[in-house]
């Protein structure tokens, strides 16, 4: 199992594995208790 992407509790900071940079985007909506991973290309 390998790390892909993380996002801080505030959503202010993100970290991506090199293999997905520029293709994947993480976001979160704390009001909806939901985190998303948009995966392109």
ModelCIF file with pLDDT and N, C-alpha, C, O atoms, coordinates in Angstrom:
data_MODEL
#
_entry.id   MODEL 
#
_entity.id                         1 
_entity.type                       polymer 
_entity.pdbx_number_of_molecules   1 
#
_entity_poly.entity_id                      1 
_entity_poly.type                           'polypeptide(L)' 
_entity_poly.nstd_linkage                   no 
_entity_poly.nstd_monomer                   no 
_entity_poly.pdbx_seq_one_letter_code       
;(UNK)(UNK)(UNK)(UNK)(UNK)(UNK)(UNK)(UNK)(UNK)(UNK)(UNK)(UNK)(UNK)(UNK)(UNK)(UNK)
(UNK)(UNK)(UNK)(UNK)(UNK)(UNK)(UNK)(UNK)(UNK)(UNK)(UNK)(UNK)(UNK)(UNK)(UNK)(UNK)
(UNK)(UNK)(UNK)(UNK)(UNK)(UNK)(UNK)(UNK)(UNK)
;
_entity_poly.pdbx_seq_one_letter_code_can   XXXXXXXXXXXXXXXXXXXXXXXXXXXXXXXXXXXXXXXXX 
_entity_poly.pdbx_strand_id                 A 
#
loop_
_entity_poly_seq.entity_id 
_entity_poly_seq.num 
_entity_poly_seq.mon_id 
_entity_poly_seq.hetero 
1 1  UNK n 
1 2  UNK n 
1 3  UNK n 
1 4  UNK n 
1 5  UNK n 
1 6  UNK n 
1 7  UNK n 
1 8  UNK n 
1 9  UNK n 
1 10 UNK n 
1 11 UNK n 
1 12 UNK n 
1 13 UNK n 
1 14 UNK n 
1 15 UNK n 
1 16 UNK n 
1 17 UNK n 
1 18 UNK n 
1 19 UNK n 
1 20 UNK n 
1 21 UNK n 
1 22 UNK n 
1 23 UNK n 
1 24 UNK n 
1 25 UNK n 
1 26 UNK n 
1 27 UNK n 
1 28 UNK n 
1 29 UNK n 
1 30 UNK n 
1 31 UNK n 
1 32 UNK n 
1 33 UNK n 
1 34 UNK n 
1 35 UNK n 
1 36 UNK n 
1 37 UNK n 
1 38 UNK n 
1 39 UNK n 
1 40 UNK n 
1 41 UNK n 
#
_struct_asym.id          A 
_struct_asym.entity_id   1 
#
loop_
_ma_qa_metric.id 
_ma_qa_metric.mode 
_ma_qa_metric.name 
_ma_qa_metric.software_group_id 
_ma_qa_metric.type 
1 global pLDDT . pLDDT 
2 local  pLDDT . pLDDT 
#
_ma_qa_metric_global.metric_id      1 
_ma_qa_metric_global.metric_value   95.20 
_ma_qa_metric_global.model_id       1 
_ma_qa_metric_global.ordinal_id     1 
#
loop_
_ma_qa_metric_local.label_asym_id 
_ma_qa_metric_local.label_comp_id 
_ma_qa_metric_local.label_seq_id 
_ma_qa_metric_local.metric_id 
_ma_qa_metric_local.metric_value 
_ma_qa_metric_local.model_id 
_ma_qa_metric_local.ordinal_id 
A UNK 1  2 97.00 1 1  
A UNK 2  2 97.00 1 2  
A UNK 3  2 97.00 1 3  
A UNK 4  2 98.00 1 4  
A UNK 5  2 98.00 1 5  
A UNK 6  2 97.00 1 6  
A UNK 7  2 96.00 1 7  
A UNK 8  2 94.00 1 8  
A UNK 9  2 89.00 1 9  
A UNK 10 2 89.00 1 10 
A UNK 11 2 91.00 1 11 
A UNK 12 2 93.00 1 12 
A UNK 13 2 96.00 1 13 
A UNK 14 2 97.00 1 14 
A UNK 15 2 97.00 1 15 
A UNK 16 2 98.00 1 16 
A UNK 17 2 97.00 1 17 
A UNK 18 2 97.00 1 18 
A UNK 19 2 97.00 1 19 
A UNK 20 2 98.00 1 20 
A UNK 21 2 98.00 1 21 
A UNK 22 2 97.00 1 22 
A UNK 23 2 98.00 1 23 
A UNK 24 2 98.00 1 24 
A UNK 25 2 98.00 1 25 
A UNK 26 2 98.00 1 26 
A UNK 27 2 96.00 1 27 
A UNK 28 2 92.00 1 28 
A UNK 29 2 90.00 1 29 
A UNK 30 2 85.00 1 30 
A UNK 31 2 87.00 1 31 
A UNK 32 2 89.00 1 32 
A UNK 33 2 89.00 1 33 
A UNK 34 2 93.00 1 34 
A UNK 35 2 95.00 1 35 
A UNK 36 2 97.00 1 36 
A UNK 37 2 98.00 1 37 
A UNK 38 2 98.00 1 38 
A UNK 39 2 98.00 1 39 
A UNK 40 2 98.00 1 40 
A UNK 41 2 98.00 1 41 
#
loop_
_atom_site.group_PDB 
_atom_site.id 
_atom_site.type_symbol 
_atom_site.label_atom_id 
_atom_site.label_alt_id 
_atom_site.label_comp_id 
_atom_site.label_asym_id 
_atom_site.label_entity_id 
_atom_site.label_seq_id 
_atom_site.pdbx_PDB_ins_code 
_atom_site.Cartn_x 
_atom_site.Cartn_y 
_atom_site.Cartn_z 
_atom_site.occupancy 
_atom_site.B_iso_or_equiv 
_atom_site.pdbx_formal_charge 
_atom_site.auth_seq_id 
_atom_site.auth_comp_id 
_atom_site.auth_asym_id 
_atom_site.auth_atom_id 
_atom_site.pdbx_PDB_model_num 
ATOM 1   N N  . UNK A 1 1  ? 0.839   -1.181 0.000   1.00 97.00 ? 1  UNK A N  1 
ATOM 2   C CA . UNK A 1 1  ? 0.000   0.000  0.000   1.00 97.00 ? 1  UNK A CA 1 
ATOM 3   C C  . UNK A 1 1  ? 0.887   1.249  0.000   1.00 97.00 ? 1  UNK A C  1 
ATOM 4   O O  . UNK A 1 1  ? 1.844   1.336  0.769   1.00 97.00 ? 1  UNK A O  1 
ATOM 5   N N  . UNK A 1 2  ? 0.565   2.201  -0.858  1.00 97.00 ? 2  UNK A N  1 
ATOM 6   C CA . UNK A 1 2  ? 1.393   3.380  -1.000  1.00 97.00 ? 2  UNK A CA 1 
ATOM 7   C C  . UNK A 1 2  ? 0.580   4.658  -0.886  1.00 97.00 ? 2  UNK A C  1 
ATOM 8   O O  . UNK A 1 2  ? -0.605  4.699  -1.217  1.00 97.00 ? 2  UNK A O  1 
ATOM 9   N N  . UNK A 1 3  ? 1.240   5.684  -0.416  1.00 97.00 ? 3  UNK A N  1 
ATOM 10  C CA . UNK A 1 3  ? 0.624   6.993  -0.272  1.00 97.00 ? 3  UNK A CA 1 
ATOM 11  C C  . UNK A 1 3  ? 0.393   7.621  -1.624  1.00 97.00 ? 3  UNK A C  1 
ATOM 12  O O  . UNK A 1 3  ? 1.254   7.566  -2.502  1.00 97.00 ? 3  UNK A O  1 
ATOM 13  N N  . UNK A 1 4  ? -0.774  8.218  -1.792  1.00 98.00 ? 4  UNK A N  1 
ATOM 14  C CA . UNK A 1 4  ? -1.115  8.898  -3.030  1.00 98.00 ? 4  UNK A CA 1 
ATOM 15  C C  . UNK A 1 4  ? -1.207  10.400 -2.814  1.00 98.00 ? 4  UNK A C  1 
ATOM 16  O O  . UNK A 1 4  ? -0.541  11.173 -3.503  1.00 98.00 ? 4  UNK A O  1 
ATOM 17  N N  . UNK A 1 5  ? -2.024  10.810 -1.869  1.00 98.00 ? 5  UNK A N  1 
ATOM 18  C CA . UNK A 1 5  ? -2.248  12.229 -1.639  1.00 98.00 ? 5  UNK A CA 1 
ATOM 19  C C  . UNK A 1 5  ? -2.838  12.440 -0.254  1.00 98.00 ? 5  UNK A C  1 
ATOM 20  O O  . UNK A 1 5  ? -3.573  11.595 0.258   1.00 98.00 ? 5  UNK A O  1 
ATOM 21  N N  . UNK A 1 6  ? -2.509  13.580 0.345   1.00 97.00 ? 6  UNK A N  1 
ATOM 22  C CA . UNK A 1 6  ? -3.078  13.933 1.628   1.00 97.00 ? 6  UNK A CA 1 
ATOM 23  C C  . UNK A 1 6  ? -3.463  15.396 1.667   1.00 97.00 ? 6  UNK A C  1 
ATOM 24  O O  . UNK A 1 6  ? -2.946  16.212 0.904   1.00 97.00 ? 6  UNK A O  1 
ATOM 25  N N  . UNK A 1 7  ? -4.371  15.715 2.560   1.00 96.00 ? 7  UNK A N  1 
ATOM 26  C CA . UNK A 1 7  ? -4.821  17.088 2.738   1.00 96.00 ? 7  UNK A CA 1 
ATOM 27  C C  . UNK A 1 7  ? -4.977  17.355 4.227   1.00 96.00 ? 7  UNK A C  1 
ATOM 28  O O  . UNK A 1 7  ? -5.519  16.526 4.958   1.00 96.00 ? 7  UNK A O  1 
ATOM 29  N N  . UNK A 1 8  ? -4.504  18.505 4.672   1.00 94.00 ? 8  UNK A N  1 
ATOM 30  C CA . UNK A 1 8  ? -4.549  18.838 6.083   1.00 94.00 ? 8  UNK A CA 1 
ATOM 31  C C  . UNK A 1 8  ? -5.977  19.063 6.547   1.00 94.00 ? 8  UNK A C  1 
ATOM 32  O O  . UNK A 1 8  ? -6.898  19.173 5.738   1.00 94.00 ? 8  UNK A O  1 
ATOM 33  N N  . UNK A 1 9  ? -6.147  19.130 7.847   1.00 89.00 ? 9  UNK A N  1 
ATOM 34  C CA . UNK A 1 9  ? -7.495  19.286 8.413   1.00 89.00 ? 9  UNK A CA 1 
ATOM 35  C C  . UNK A 1 9  ? -8.183  20.541 7.901   1.00 89.00 ? 9  UNK A C  1 
ATOM 36  O O  . UNK A 1 9  ? -9.403  20.563 7.741   1.00 89.00 ? 9  UNK A O  1 
ATOM 37  N N  . UNK A 1 10 ? -7.408  21.583 7.645   1.00 89.00 ? 10 UNK A N  1 
ATOM 38  C CA . UNK A 1 10 ? -7.968  22.843 7.189   1.00 89.00 ? 10 UNK A CA 1 
ATOM 39  C C  . UNK A 1 10 ? -8.182  22.894 5.680   1.00 89.00 ? 10 UNK A C  1 
ATOM 40  O O  . UNK A 1 10 ? -8.898  23.758 5.174   1.00 89.00 ? 10 UNK A O  1 
ATOM 41  N N  . UNK A 1 11 ? -7.554  21.959 4.968   1.00 91.00 ? 11 UNK A N  1 
ATOM 42  C CA . UNK A 1 11 ? -7.557  22.006 3.526   1.00 91.00 ? 11 UNK A CA 1 
ATOM 43  C C  . UNK A 1 11 ? -6.514  22.938 2.951   1.00 91.00 ? 11 UNK A C  1 
ATOM 44  O O  . UNK A 1 11 ? -6.398  23.067 1.733   1.00 91.00 ? 11 UNK A O  1 
ATOM 45  N N  . UNK A 1 12 ? -5.759  23.586 3.809   1.00 93.00 ? 12 UNK A N  1 
ATOM 46  C CA . UNK A 1 12 ? -4.778  24.568 3.351   1.00 93.00 ? 12 UNK A CA 1 
ATOM 47  C C  . UNK A 1 12 ? -3.560  23.919 2.710   1.00 93.00 ? 12 UNK A C  1 
ATOM 48  O O  . UNK A 1 12 ? -2.967  24.478 1.788   1.00 93.00 ? 12 UNK A O  1 
ATOM 49  N N  . UNK A 1 13 ? -3.191  22.748 3.195   1.00 96.00 ? 13 UNK A N  1 
ATOM 50  C CA . UNK A 1 13 ? -1.980  22.092 2.725   1.00 96.00 ? 13 UNK A CA 1 
ATOM 51  C C  . UNK A 1 13 ? -2.323  20.755 2.095   1.00 96.00 ? 13 UNK A C  1 
ATOM 52  O O  . UNK A 1 13 ? -3.176  20.014 2.582   1.00 96.00 ? 13 UNK A O  1 
ATOM 53  N N  . UNK A 1 14 ? -1.649  20.471 1.018   1.00 97.00 ? 14 UNK A N  1 
ATOM 54  C CA . UNK A 1 14 ? -1.801  19.195 0.343   1.00 97.00 ? 14 UNK A CA 1 
ATOM 55  C C  . UNK A 1 14 ? -0.437  18.625 0.021   1.00 97.00 ? 14 UNK A C  1 
ATOM 56  O O  . UNK A 1 14 ? 0.555   19.350 -0.055  1.00 97.00 ? 14 UNK A O  1 
ATOM 57  N N  . UNK A 1 15 ? -0.399  17.330 -0.165  1.00 97.00 ? 15 UNK A N  1 
ATOM 58  C CA . UNK A 1 15 ? 0.831   16.655 -0.515  1.00 97.00 ? 15 UNK A CA 1 
ATOM 59  C C  . UNK A 1 15 ? 0.508   15.523 -1.477  1.00 97.00 ? 15 UNK A C  1 
ATOM 60  O O  . UNK A 1 15 ? -0.402  14.732 -1.231  1.00 97.00 ? 15 UNK A O  1 
ATOM 61  N N  . UNK A 1 16 ? 1.252   15.447 -2.568  1.00 98.00 ? 16 UNK A N  1 
ATOM 62  C CA . UNK A 1 16 ? 0.999   14.468 -3.603  1.00 98.00 ? 16 UNK A CA 1 
ATOM 63  C C  . UNK A 1 16 ? 2.218   13.605 -3.850  1.00 98.00 ? 16 UNK A C  1 
ATOM 64  O O  . UNK A 1 16 ? 3.351   14.085 -3.828  1.00 98.00 ? 16 UNK A O  1 
ATOM 65  N N  . UNK A 1 17 ? 1.977   12.335 -4.084  1.00 97.00 ? 17 UNK A N  1 
ATOM 66  C CA . UNK A 1 17 ? 3.042   11.489 -4.577  1.00 97.00 ? 17 UNK A CA 1 
ATOM 67  C C  . UNK A 1 17 ? 3.480   11.985 -5.950  1.00 97.00 ? 17 UNK A C  1 
ATOM 68  O O  . UNK A 1 17 ? 2.664   12.475 -6.730  1.00 97.00 ? 17 UNK A O  1 
ATOM 69  N N  . UNK A 1 18 ? 4.763   11.858 -6.236  1.00 97.00 ? 18 UNK A N  1 
ATOM 70  C CA . UNK A 1 18 ? 5.286   12.346 -7.508  1.00 97.00 ? 18 UNK A CA 1 
ATOM 71  C C  . UNK A 1 18 ? 4.568   11.727 -8.702  1.00 97.00 ? 18 UNK A C  1 
ATOM 72  O O  . UNK A 1 18 ? 4.408   12.374 -9.738  1.00 97.00 ? 18 UNK A O  1 
ATOM 73  N N  . UNK A 1 19 ? 4.145   10.504 -8.561  1.00 97.00 ? 19 UNK A N  1 
ATOM 74  C CA . UNK A 1 19 ? 3.541   9.796  -9.674  1.00 97.00 ? 19 UNK A CA 1 
ATOM 75  C C  . UNK A 1 19 ? 2.187   10.355 -10.099 1.00 97.00 ? 19 UNK A C  1 
ATOM 76  O O  . UNK A 1 19 ? 1.716   10.064 -11.199 1.00 97.00 ? 19 UNK A O  1 
ATOM 77  N N  . UNK A 1 20 ? 1.556   11.156 -9.239  1.00 98.00 ? 20 UNK A N  1 
ATOM 78  C CA . UNK A 1 20 ? 0.227   11.665 -9.565  1.00 98.00 ? 20 UNK A CA 1 
ATOM 79  C C  . UNK A 1 20 ? 0.169   13.179 -9.652  1.00 98.00 ? 20 UNK A C  1 
ATOM 80  O O  . UNK A 1 20 ? -0.887  13.734 -9.955  1.00 98.00 ? 20 UNK A O  1 
ATOM 81  N N  . UNK A 1 21 ? 1.263   13.852 -9.397  1.00 98.00 ? 21 UNK A N  1 
ATOM 82  C CA . UNK A 1 21 ? 1.273   15.308 -9.466  1.00 98.00 ? 21 UNK A CA 1 
ATOM 83  C C  . UNK A 1 21 ? 0.877   15.789 -10.858 1.00 98.00 ? 21 UNK A C  1 
ATOM 84  O O  . UNK A 1 21 ? 1.345   15.270 -11.872 1.00 98.00 ? 21 UNK A O  1 
ATOM 85  N N  . UNK A 1 22 ? 0.015   16.781 -10.881 1.00 97.00 ? 22 UNK A N  1 
ATOM 86  C CA . UNK A 1 22 ? -0.453  17.323 -12.140 1.00 97.00 ? 22 UNK A CA 1 
ATOM 87  C C  . UNK A 1 22 ? -1.623  16.586 -12.731 1.00 97.00 ? 22 UNK A C  1 
ATOM 88  O O  . UNK A 1 22 ? -2.223  17.056 -13.698 1.00 97.00 ? 22 UNK A O  1 
ATOM 89  N N  . UNK A 1 23 ? -1.968  15.431 -12.169 1.00 98.00 ? 23 UNK A N  1 
ATOM 90  C CA . UNK A 1 23 ? -3.076  14.636 -12.684 1.00 98.00 ? 23 UNK A CA 1 
ATOM 91  C C  . UNK A 1 23 ? -4.199  14.468 -11.666 1.00 98.00 ? 23 UNK A C  1 
ATOM 92  O O  . UNK A 1 23 ? -5.376  14.453 -12.027 1.00 98.00 ? 23 UNK A O  1 
ATOM 93  N N  . UNK A 1 24 ? -3.833  14.342 -10.402 1.00 98.00 ? 24 UNK A N  1 
ATOM 94  C CA . UNK A 1 24 ? -4.813  14.137 -9.339  1.00 98.00 ? 24 UNK A CA 1 
ATOM 95  C C  . UNK A 1 24 ? -4.955  15.405 -8.510  1.00 98.00 ? 24 UNK A C  1 
ATOM 96  O O  . UNK A 1 24 ? -3.991  16.147 -8.322  1.00 98.00 ? 24 UNK A O  1 
ATOM 97  N N  . UNK A 1 25 ? -6.152  15.642 -8.021  1.00 98.00 ? 25 UNK A N  1 
ATOM 98  C CA . UNK A 1 25 ? -6.411  16.778 -7.155  1.00 98.00 ? 25 UNK A CA 1 
ATOM 99  C C  . UNK A 1 25 ? -7.288  16.342 -5.997  1.00 98.00 ? 25 UNK A C  1 
ATOM 100 O O  . UNK A 1 25 ? -8.354  15.760 -6.197  1.00 98.00 ? 25 UNK A O  1 
ATOM 101 N N  . UNK A 1 26 ? -6.836  16.626 -4.792  1.00 98.00 ? 26 UNK A N  1 
ATOM 102 C CA . UNK A 1 26 ? -7.620  16.307 -3.608  1.00 98.00 ? 26 UNK A CA 1 
ATOM 103 C C  . UNK A 1 26 ? -8.293  17.575 -3.100  1.00 98.00 ? 26 UNK A C  1 
ATOM 104 O O  . UNK A 1 26 ? -7.739  18.670 -3.199  1.00 98.00 ? 26 UNK A O  1 
ATOM 105 N N  . UNK A 1 27 ? -9.475  17.414 -2.565  1.00 96.00 ? 27 UNK A N  1 
ATOM 106 C CA . UNK A 1 27 ? -10.188 18.517 -1.948  1.00 96.00 ? 27 UNK A CA 1 
ATOM 107 C C  . UNK A 1 27 ? -11.062 17.969 -0.832  1.00 96.00 ? 27 UNK A C  1 
ATOM 108 O O  . UNK A 1 27 ? -11.313 16.766 -0.762  1.00 96.00 ? 27 UNK A O  1 
ATOM 109 N N  . UNK A 1 28 ? -11.515 18.843 0.023   1.00 92.00 ? 28 UNK A N  1 
ATOM 110 C CA . UNK A 1 28 ? -12.400 18.403 1.093   1.00 92.00 ? 28 UNK A CA 1 
ATOM 111 C C  . UNK A 1 28 ? -13.451 19.460 1.363   1.00 92.00 ? 28 UNK A C  1 
ATOM 112 O O  . UNK A 1 28 ? -13.235 20.656 1.166   1.00 92.00 ? 28 UNK A O  1 
ATOM 113 N N  . UNK A 1 29 ? -14.579 18.986 1.814   1.00 90.00 ? 29 UNK A N  1 
ATOM 114 C CA . UNK A 1 29 ? -15.679 19.842 2.206   1.00 90.00 ? 29 UNK A CA 1 
ATOM 115 C C  . UNK A 1 29 ? -16.064 19.412 3.608   1.00 90.00 ? 29 UNK A C  1 
ATOM 116 O O  . UNK A 1 29 ? -16.814 18.454 3.792   1.00 90.00 ? 29 UNK A O  1 
ATOM 117 N N  . UNK A 1 30 ? -15.549 20.122 4.585   1.00 85.00 ? 30 UNK A N  1 
ATOM 118 C CA . UNK A 1 30 ? -15.776 19.723 5.968   1.00 85.00 ? 30 UNK A CA 1 
ATOM 119 C C  . UNK A 1 30 ? -17.243 19.835 6.368   1.00 85.00 ? 30 UNK A C  1 
ATOM 120 O O  . UNK A 1 30 ? -17.715 19.088 7.225   1.00 85.00 ? 30 UNK A O  1 
ATOM 121 N N  . UNK A 1 31 ? -17.952 20.757 5.757   1.00 87.00 ? 31 UNK A N  1 
ATOM 122 C CA . UNK A 1 31 ? -19.370 20.894 6.058   1.00 87.00 ? 31 UNK A CA 1 
ATOM 123 C C  . UNK A 1 31 ? -20.152 19.658 5.638   1.00 87.00 ? 31 UNK A C  1 
ATOM 124 O O  . UNK A 1 31 ? -21.178 19.331 6.234   1.00 87.00 ? 31 UNK A O  1 
ATOM 125 N N  . UNK A 1 32 ? -19.664 18.972 4.609   1.00 89.00 ? 32 UNK A N  1 
ATOM 126 C CA . UNK A 1 32 ? -20.309 17.759 4.123   1.00 89.00 ? 32 UNK A CA 1 
ATOM 127 C C  . UNK A 1 32 ? -19.611 16.488 4.588   1.00 89.00 ? 32 UNK A C  1 
ATOM 128 O O  . UNK A 1 32 ? -20.024 15.385 4.232   1.00 89.00 ? 32 UNK A O  1 
ATOM 129 N N  . UNK A 1 33 ? -18.557 16.639 5.381   1.00 89.00 ? 33 UNK A N  1 
ATOM 130 C CA . UNK A 1 33 ? -17.792 15.489 5.881   1.00 89.00 ? 33 UNK A CA 1 
ATOM 131 C C  . UNK A 1 33 ? -17.330 14.590 4.737   1.00 89.00 ? 33 UNK A C  1 
ATOM 132 O O  . UNK A 1 33 ? -17.436 13.366 4.808   1.00 89.00 ? 33 UNK A O  1 
ATOM 133 N N  . UNK A 1 34 ? -16.825 15.211 3.701   1.00 93.00 ? 34 UNK A N  1 
ATOM 134 C CA . UNK A 1 34 ? -16.469 14.474 2.506   1.00 93.00 ? 34 UNK A CA 1 
ATOM 135 C C  . UNK A 1 34 ? -15.142 14.958 1.943   1.00 93.00 ? 34 UNK A C  1 
ATOM 136 O O  . UNK A 1 34 ? -14.852 16.154 1.929   1.00 93.00 ? 34 UNK A O  1 
ATOM 137 N N  . UNK A 1 35 ? -14.350 14.012 1.483   1.00 95.00 ? 35 UNK A N  1 
ATOM 138 C CA . UNK A 1 35 ? -13.116 14.319 0.781   1.00 95.00 ? 35 UNK A CA 1 
ATOM 139 C C  . UNK A 1 35 ? -13.216 13.722 -0.613  1.00 95.00 ? 35 UNK A C  1 
ATOM 140 O O  . UNK A 1 35 ? -13.813 12.662 -0.801  1.00 95.00 ? 35 UNK A O  1 
ATOM 141 N N  . UNK A 1 36 ? -12.634 14.403 -1.582  1.00 97.00 ? 36 UNK A N  1 
ATOM 142 C CA . UNK A 1 36 ? -12.725 14.002 -2.968  1.00 97.00 ? 36 UNK A CA 1 
ATOM 143 C C  . UNK A 1 36 ? -11.342 13.815 -3.564  1.00 97.00 ? 36 UNK A C  1 
ATOM 144 O O  . UNK A 1 36 ? -10.370 14.442 -3.143  1.00 97.00 ? 36 UNK A O  1 
ATOM 145 N N  . UNK A 1 37 ? -11.279 12.952 -4.537  1.00 98.00 ? 37 UNK A N  1 
ATOM 146 C CA . UNK A 1 37 ? -10.068 12.792 -5.320  1.00 98.00 ? 37 UNK A CA 1 
ATOM 147 C C  . UNK A 1 37 ? -10.448 12.816 -6.791  1.00 98.00 ? 37 UNK A C  1 
ATOM 148 O O  . UNK A 1 37 ? -11.032 11.866 -7.312  1.00 98.00 ? 37 UNK A O  1 
ATOM 149 N N  . UNK A 1 38 ? -10.110 13.908 -7.447  1.00 98.00 ? 38 UNK A N  1 
ATOM 150 C CA . UNK A 1 38 ? -10.320 14.016 -8.879  1.00 98.00 ? 38 UNK A CA 1 
ATOM 151 C C  . UNK A 1 38 ? -9.096  13.455 -9.578  1.00 98.00 ? 38 UNK A C  1 
ATOM 152 O O  . UNK A 1 38 ? -7.980  13.930 -9.368  1.00 98.00 ? 38 UNK A O  1 
ATOM 153 N N  . UNK A 1 39 ? -9.303  12.455 -10.400 1.00 98.00 ? 39 UNK A N  1 
ATOM 154 C CA . UNK A 1 39 ? -8.220  11.782 -11.094 1.00 98.00 ? 39 UNK A CA 1 
ATOM 155 C C  . UNK A 1 39 ? -8.396  11.995 -12.595 1.00 98.00 ? 39 UNK A C  1 
ATOM 156 O O  . UNK A 1 39 ? -9.373  11.542 -13.190 1.00 98.00 ? 39 UNK A O  1 
ATOM 157 N N  . UNK A 1 40 ? -7.444  12.686 -13.186 1.00 98.00 ? 40 UNK A N  1 
ATOM 158 C CA . UNK A 1 40 ? -7.468  12.959 -14.618 1.00 98.00 ? 40 UNK A CA 1 
ATOM 159 C C  . UNK A 1 40 ? -6.292  12.284 -15.308 1.00 98.00 ? 40 UNK A C  1 
ATOM 160 O O  . UNK A 1 40 ? -5.299  11.926 -14.675 1.00 98.00 ? 40 UNK A O  1 
ATOM 161 N N  . UNK A 1 41 ? -6.426  12.121 -16.601 1.00 98.00 ? 41 UNK A N  1 
ATOM 162 C CA . UNK A 1 41 ? -5.371  11.506 -17.399 1.00 98.00 ? 41 UNK A CA 1 
ATOM 163 C C  . UNK A 1 41 ? -4.879  10.212 -16.764 1.00 98.00 ? 41 UNK A C  1 
ATOM 164 O O  . UNK A 1 41 ? -3.987  9.559  -17.305 1.00 98.00 ? 41 UNK A O  1 
#
